[in-house]
Amino acid sequence: MSKQAQVDYPVHELIQKRWSPRSFSEKPVEPETLKSLFEAARWAPSSYNEQPWCMIVASKDQPEDYERLLSCLGEFNQDWAKTAPVLILSIANLNYERNGNFNRHAYHDLGMAISQLTLQATSQDLFLHQMGGYDADKAREVFSIPEGFDSVAVLALGYLGDPEQLPEALREGELAPGSRKPFSEWVFAASGNWGTTSSLV
């Protein structure tokens, strides 16, 4: 199944190819492939090169670990995410290691790492669906996440599956084209009042 973004201006083919499915194949993700994804994340830019991210990963090759992470998801997400061969919990380190001060860029930097991981995955015909629908308190308890670290999202990762395996309501969303806000709603001018669209776009 191909679901290319209908872009208004040219972008890299990986950006155009990336989307967030809920239907995943049972085909496992090889450990060497996973290492390439984490290598891509490792080289993301970050404030003071702190790399303030951690990721807890579980695959179906580790059934007990996989179930522990799956159990943290909300019921709705569990219903479809259980087909993904790999689950990843992303975590931000909220304090600089260099001085212990609060790092207000930690979430941004974690997002950069996940973005690079995502594009690397896309280049290898893998797909991710990121979820905020999980119990962060349960995840902290289950995985003994220490204070100063904040879990952010759970990622379902795998090869694309057949949309027909999804319930009808989810299937419609799976097949529908993606959409995005126009530039006028979020690319603002450096002069003038807040919300004034930049003349550059």
Protein backbone atom coordinates (compact mmCIF):
# COMPACT_ATOMS: atom_id res chain seq x y z
CA MET A 1 0.00 0.00 0.00
CA SER A 2 1.39 3.39 -1.02
CA LYS A 3 0.19 6.56 0.68
CA GLN A 4 2.30 9.44 -0.58
CA ALA A 5 1.79 12.89 0.92
CA GLN A 6 0.27 15.30 -1.60
CA VAL A 7 2.79 18.11 -1.15
CA ASP A 8 2.50 21.63 -2.55
CA TYR A 9 6.26 22.07 -2.90
CA PRO A 10 9.09 19.59 -3.48
CA VAL A 11 10.37 17.68 -0.44
CA HIS A 12 12.63 14.68 0.06
CA GLU A 13 10.97 11.44 -0.99
CA LEU A 14 11.33 10.01 2.53
CA ILE A 15 9.24 12.85 3.94
CA GLN A 16 6.63 12.29 1.27
CA LYS A 17 6.58 8.53 1.88
CA ARG A 18 6.31 8.68 5.69
CA TRP A 19 2.93 8.24 7.34
CA SER A 20 1.56 6.62 10.50
CA PRO A 21 -0.28 3.35 9.86
CA ARG A 22 -2.12 1.20 12.37
CA SER A 23 -1.90 -1.98 10.32
CA PHE A 24 1.40 -3.83 10.73
CA SER A 25 2.74 -7.03 9.25
CA GLU A 26 3.83 -9.86 11.55
CA LYS A 27 7.22 -9.84 9.81
CA PRO A 28 9.86 -9.32 12.52
CA VAL A 29 12.30 -6.42 12.48
CA GLU A 30 15.86 -7.74 12.46
CA PRO A 31 18.15 -6.63 15.32
CA GLU A 32 20.67 -5.17 12.84
CA THR A 33 17.90 -3.08 11.31
CA LEU A 34 16.87 -1.80 14.74
CA LYS A 35 20.48 -0.86 15.41
CA SER A 36 20.50 1.28 12.26
CA LEU A 37 17.40 3.12 13.49
CA PHE A 38 18.94 3.81 16.88
CA GLU A 39 22.17 4.89 15.17
CA ALA A 40 20.18 7.47 13.22
CA ALA A 41 18.63 8.71 16.46
CA ARG A 42 22.05 8.82 18.14
CA TRP A 43 23.29 11.40 15.67
CA ALA A 44 20.43 13.85 16.13
CA PRO A 45 21.40 17.38 17.20
CA SER A 46 20.80 18.39 20.81
CA SER A 47 21.48 21.26 23.19
CA TYR A 48 25.13 21.06 24.37
CA ASN A 49 25.20 17.64 22.67
CA GLU A 50 23.54 16.24 25.79
CA GLN A 51 21.48 13.72 23.82
CA PRO A 52 18.76 13.83 26.51
CA TRP A 53 16.83 10.78 25.38
CA CYS A 54 16.34 7.19 26.44
CA MET A 55 14.29 4.53 24.68
CA ILE A 56 12.89 1.34 26.14
CA VAL A 57 12.46 -1.21 23.35
CA ALA A 58 10.62 -4.53 23.27
CA SER A 59 9.99 -6.91 20.41
CA LYS A 60 7.76 -9.93 20.06
CA ASP A 61 10.93 -12.01 20.26
CA GLN A 62 10.79 -11.05 23.96
CA PRO A 63 7.12 -11.84 24.74
CA GLU A 64 7.17 -10.93 28.45
CA ASP A 65 8.91 -7.58 27.83
CA TYR A 66 6.60 -6.87 24.93
CA GLU A 67 3.51 -7.50 27.06
CA ARG A 68 4.84 -5.23 29.81
CA LEU A 69 5.14 -2.34 27.38
CA LEU A 70 1.89 -3.15 25.58
CA SER A 71 0.06 -3.16 28.93
CA CYS A 72 0.92 0.53 29.39
CA LEU A 73 -1.12 1.50 26.33
CA GLY A 74 -4.74 2.55 26.52
CA GLU A 75 -7.25 -0.12 25.51
CA PHE A 76 -7.96 1.50 22.14
CA ASN A 77 -4.27 1.56 21.19
CA GLN A 78 -3.66 -1.95 22.49
CA ASP A 79 -6.28 -3.30 20.10
CA TRP A 80 -4.30 -2.36 16.99
CA ALA A 81 -0.74 -1.84 18.26
CA LYS A 82 -0.49 -5.49 19.40
CA THR A 83 0.19 -6.44 15.76
CA ALA A 84 3.37 -4.32 15.58
CA PRO A 85 6.50 -6.45 16.06
CA VAL A 86 8.33 -3.73 18.03
CA LEU A 87 7.23 -1.19 20.65
CA ILE A 88 9.43 1.68 21.85
CA LEU A 89 8.87 4.00 24.79
CA SER A 90 10.59 7.37 24.33
CA ILE A 91 11.85 9.20 27.41
CA ALA A 92 13.31 12.66 27.94
CA ASN A 93 16.04 13.42 30.48
CA LEU A 94 14.85 16.75 31.90
CA ASN A 95 18.13 17.82 33.51
CA TYR A 96 21.49 18.59 31.99
CA GLU A 97 24.12 16.04 32.92
CA ARG A 98 26.75 18.78 32.74
CA ASN A 99 25.37 20.84 35.65
CA GLY A 100 22.05 19.36 36.83
CA ASN A 101 20.04 22.35 35.64
CA PHE A 102 16.62 21.97 34.02
CA ASN A 103 16.90 21.36 30.27
CA ARG A 104 13.93 23.05 28.66
CA HIS A 105 15.06 21.77 25.26
CA ALA A 106 14.90 18.09 26.24
CA TYR A 107 11.54 17.39 24.60
CA HIS A 108 12.61 19.19 21.44
CA ASP A 109 15.83 17.19 21.29
CA LEU A 110 14.04 13.91 21.90
CA GLY A 111 11.70 14.85 19.04
CA MET A 112 14.71 15.42 16.80
CA ALA A 113 16.05 11.97 17.65
CA ILE A 114 12.69 10.32 16.97
CA SER A 115 12.39 12.23 13.70
CA GLN A 116 15.76 10.92 12.52
CA LEU A 117 14.84 7.41 13.65
CA THR A 118 11.57 7.73 11.74
CA LEU A 119 13.19 8.81 8.48
CA GLN A 120 15.79 6.04 8.78
CA ALA A 121 12.93 3.58 9.30
CA THR A 122 11.12 4.95 6.25
CA SER A 123 14.27 4.48 4.16
CA GLN A 124 14.19 0.79 5.14
CA ASP A 125 10.48 0.33 4.33
CA LEU A 126 9.51 0.41 8.00
CA PHE A 127 6.74 2.52 9.50
CA LEU A 128 6.00 3.99 12.91
CA HIS A 129 2.88 5.15 14.68
CA GLN A 130 3.52 7.35 17.70
CA MET A 131 1.03 7.28 20.57
CA GLY A 132 0.30 9.61 23.45
CA GLY A 133 -2.50 7.29 24.57
CA TYR A 134 -0.70 5.38 27.31
CA ASP A 135 -0.49 5.43 31.11
CA ALA A 136 2.67 7.38 31.94
CA ASP A 137 2.38 6.65 35.67
CA LYS A 138 2.13 2.93 34.99
CA ALA A 139 5.10 3.10 32.63
CA ARG A 140 7.15 4.85 35.32
CA GLU A 141 6.29 2.10 37.79
CA VAL A 142 6.68 -0.85 35.42
CA PHE A 143 10.06 0.29 34.10
CA SER A 144 11.34 2.03 37.27
CA ILE A 145 11.80 5.32 35.41
CA PRO A 146 13.63 7.63 37.83
CA GLU A 147 12.68 11.17 38.77
CA GLY A 148 13.99 13.72 36.32
CA PHE A 149 13.06 11.52 33.37
CA ASP A 150 9.69 11.86 31.64
CA SER A 151 8.19 9.33 29.24
CA VAL A 152 6.74 11.03 26.17
CA ALA A 153 5.29 8.55 23.67
CA VAL A 154 5.06 4.91 22.69
CA LEU A 155 6.03 4.02 19.13
CA ALA A 156 4.66 1.02 17.27
CA LEU A 157 7.20 -0.05 14.66
CA GLY A 158 7.10 -2.58 11.87
CA TYR A 159 6.50 -3.33 8.23
CA LEU A 160 3.26 -2.27 6.64
CA GLY A 161 0.34 -4.65 7.05
CA ASP A 162 -3.01 -5.15 5.36
CA PRO A 163 -5.58 -2.46 6.26
CA GLU A 164 -8.28 -5.11 5.96
CA GLN A 165 -7.12 -6.55 9.29
CA LEU A 166 -8.33 -3.38 11.05
CA PRO A 167 -11.87 -2.69 12.29
CA GLU A 168 -13.92 -0.74 9.76
CA ALA A 169 -13.69 2.60 11.61
CA LEU A 170 -9.89 2.43 11.70
CA ARG A 171 -9.69 1.11 8.15
CA GLU A 172 -11.32 4.27 6.81
CA GLY A 173 -8.67 6.43 8.47
CA GLU A 174 -5.92 4.13 7.24
CA LEU A 175 -6.98 4.61 3.62
CA ALA A 176 -7.83 8.32 3.81
CA PRO A 177 -5.30 10.82 2.41
CA GLY A 178 -3.27 12.84 4.90
CA SER A 179 -3.77 16.57 5.35
CA ARG A 180 -1.82 19.44 6.87
CA LYS A 181 -2.46 23.07 7.84
CA PRO A 182 -1.54 25.68 5.20
CA PHE A 183 1.52 27.90 5.75
CA SER A 184 -0.77 30.87 6.44
CA GLU A 185 -1.75 29.37 9.80
CA TRP A 186 1.74 28.90 11.21
CA VAL A 187 4.51 30.64 9.20
CA PHE A 188 4.55 34.15 10.66
CA ALA A 189 6.37 37.36 9.80
CA ALA A 190 9.16 38.59 12.06
CA SER A 191 7.63 42.07 11.93
CA GLY A 192 4.09 43.15 12.71
CA ASN A 193 1.60 41.51 15.03
CA TRP A 194 1.48 37.89 16.15
CA GLY A 195 -0.17 35.72 13.55
CA THR A 196 0.71 37.85 10.53
CA THR A 197 1.57 35.48 7.69
CA SER A 198 5.10 35.88 6.38
CA SER A 199 5.38 37.37 2.90
CA LEU A 200 7.92 34.62 2.18
CA VAL A 201 5.04 32.15 1.86
